C-alpha atoms as a PDB file:
ATOM      1  CA  MET A   1      75.097 137.964 115.247  1.00  0.00           C
ATOM      2  CA  ILE A   2      77.978 138.584 117.191  1.00  0.00           C
ATOM      3  CA  TYR A   3      76.593 137.690 120.444  1.00  0.00           C
ATOM      4  CA  GLU A   4      75.450 134.073 119.391  1.00  0.00           C
ATOM      5  CA  VAL A   5      79.149 133.397 118.414  1.00  0.00           C
ATOM      6  CA  ILE A   6      80.168 134.376 121.890  1.00  0.00           C
ATOM      7  CA  ILE A   7      77.463 132.690 123.444  1.00  0.00           C
ATOM      8  CA  ARG A   8      78.253 129.787 121.484  1.00  0.00           C
ATOM      9  CA  GLU A   9      82.243 129.816 122.194  1.00  0.00           C
ATOM     10  CA  SER A  10      81.983 130.572 125.506  1.00  0.00           C
ATOM     11  CA  ILE A  11      79.774 127.490 126.104  1.00  0.00           C
ATOM     12  CA  GLN A  12      82.599 125.108 124.072  1.00  0.00           C
ATOM     13  CA  ILE A  13      85.414 126.952 126.232  1.00  0.00           C
ATOM     14  CA  ILE A  14      83.205 125.955 129.330  1.00  0.00           C
ATOM     15  CA  THR A  15      81.797 122.300 128.789  1.00  0.00           C
ATOM     16  CA  SER A  16      84.861 121.287 126.968  1.00  0.00           C
ATOM     17  CA  ASP A  17      87.217 118.951 129.646  1.00  0.00           C
ATOM     18  CA  LYS A  18      90.220 118.337 127.450  1.00  0.00           C
ATOM     19  CA  GLN A  19      91.267 121.565 127.701  1.00  0.00           C
ATOM     20  CA  SER A  20      94.774 123.112 129.494  1.00  0.00           C
ATOM     21  CA  GLU A  21      94.375 126.238 131.544  1.00  0.00           C
ATOM     22  CA  ALA A  22      96.742 128.350 129.055  1.00  0.00           C
ATOM     23  CA  GLU A  23      94.040 127.191 126.119  1.00  0.00           C
ATOM     24  CA  VAL A  24      91.274 127.879 127.909  1.00  0.00           C
ATOM     25  CA  ILE A  25      92.864 131.648 128.328  1.00  0.00           C
ATOM     26  CA  ARG A  26      93.958 132.247 124.655  1.00  0.00           C
ATOM     27  CA  ARG A  27      90.604 130.802 123.740  1.00  0.00           C
ATOM     28  CA  TRP A  28      88.690 133.683 126.275  1.00  0.00           C
ATOM     29  CA  ALA A  29      91.503 136.530 125.380  1.00  0.00           C
ATOM     30  CA  SER A  30      90.698 135.689 121.532  1.00  0.00           C
ATOM     31  CA  LEU A  31      87.056 135.894 122.301  1.00  0.00           C
ATOM     32  CA  LEU A  32      86.772 139.237 123.703  1.00  0.00           C
ATOM     33  CA  PHE A  33      89.710 140.690 121.403  1.00  0.00           C
ATOM     34  CA  ASN A  34      87.428 139.612 118.805  1.00  0.00           C
ATOM     35  CA  LEU A  35      84.143 141.479 120.544  1.00  0.00           C
ATOM     36  CA  LEU A  36      86.417 144.544 121.608  1.00  0.00           C
ATOM     37  CA  ALA A  37      87.682 144.844 117.258  1.00  0.00           C
ATOM     38  CA  HIS A  38      83.480 144.344 116.351  1.00  0.00           C
ATOM     39  CA  LYS A  39      82.454 147.505 118.975  1.00  0.00           C
ATOM     40  CA  ILE A  40      85.760 149.440 116.856  1.00  0.00           C
ATOM     41  CA  TYR A  41      84.679 148.820 113.283  1.00  0.00           C
ATOM     42  CA  SER A  42      80.982 149.137 114.318  1.00  0.00           C
ATOM     43  CA  ALA A  43      81.872 152.429 115.823  1.00  0.00           C
ATOM     44  CA  HIS A  44      83.909 153.506 113.138  1.00  0.00           C
ATOM     45  CA  LEU A  45      81.018 152.681 110.741  1.00  0.00           C
ATOM     46  CA  LEU A  46      78.452 154.644 112.596  1.00  0.00           C
ATOM     47  CA  SER A  47      80.618 157.844 112.777  1.00  0.00           C
ATOM     48  CA  GLN A  48      80.905 157.600 109.063  1.00  0.00           C
ATOM     49  CA  PRO A  49      78.703 160.642 106.982  1.00  0.00           C
ATOM     50  CA  ILE A  50      75.599 158.698 105.512  1.00  0.00           C
ATOM     51  CA  TYR A  51      76.633 159.162 102.180  1.00  0.00           C
ATOM     52  CA  PHE A  52      79.760 156.744 102.240  1.00  0.00           C
ATOM     53  CA  LEU A  53      76.763 154.285 102.971  1.00  0.00           C
ATOM     54  CA  LEU A  54      74.806 154.630 100.092  1.00  0.00           C
END
């Protein structure tokens, strides 16, 4: 699910012709930040005892 979003966004960034270099960098940075946030959140959930998930 998160990887589908990353692939879709990456294709959009690469194929869009009418972007400035700053816009491309901003979009890549946003994508990487969101991936990092997702990984941290997932790791946090996995570190919780099982009774918190019930």
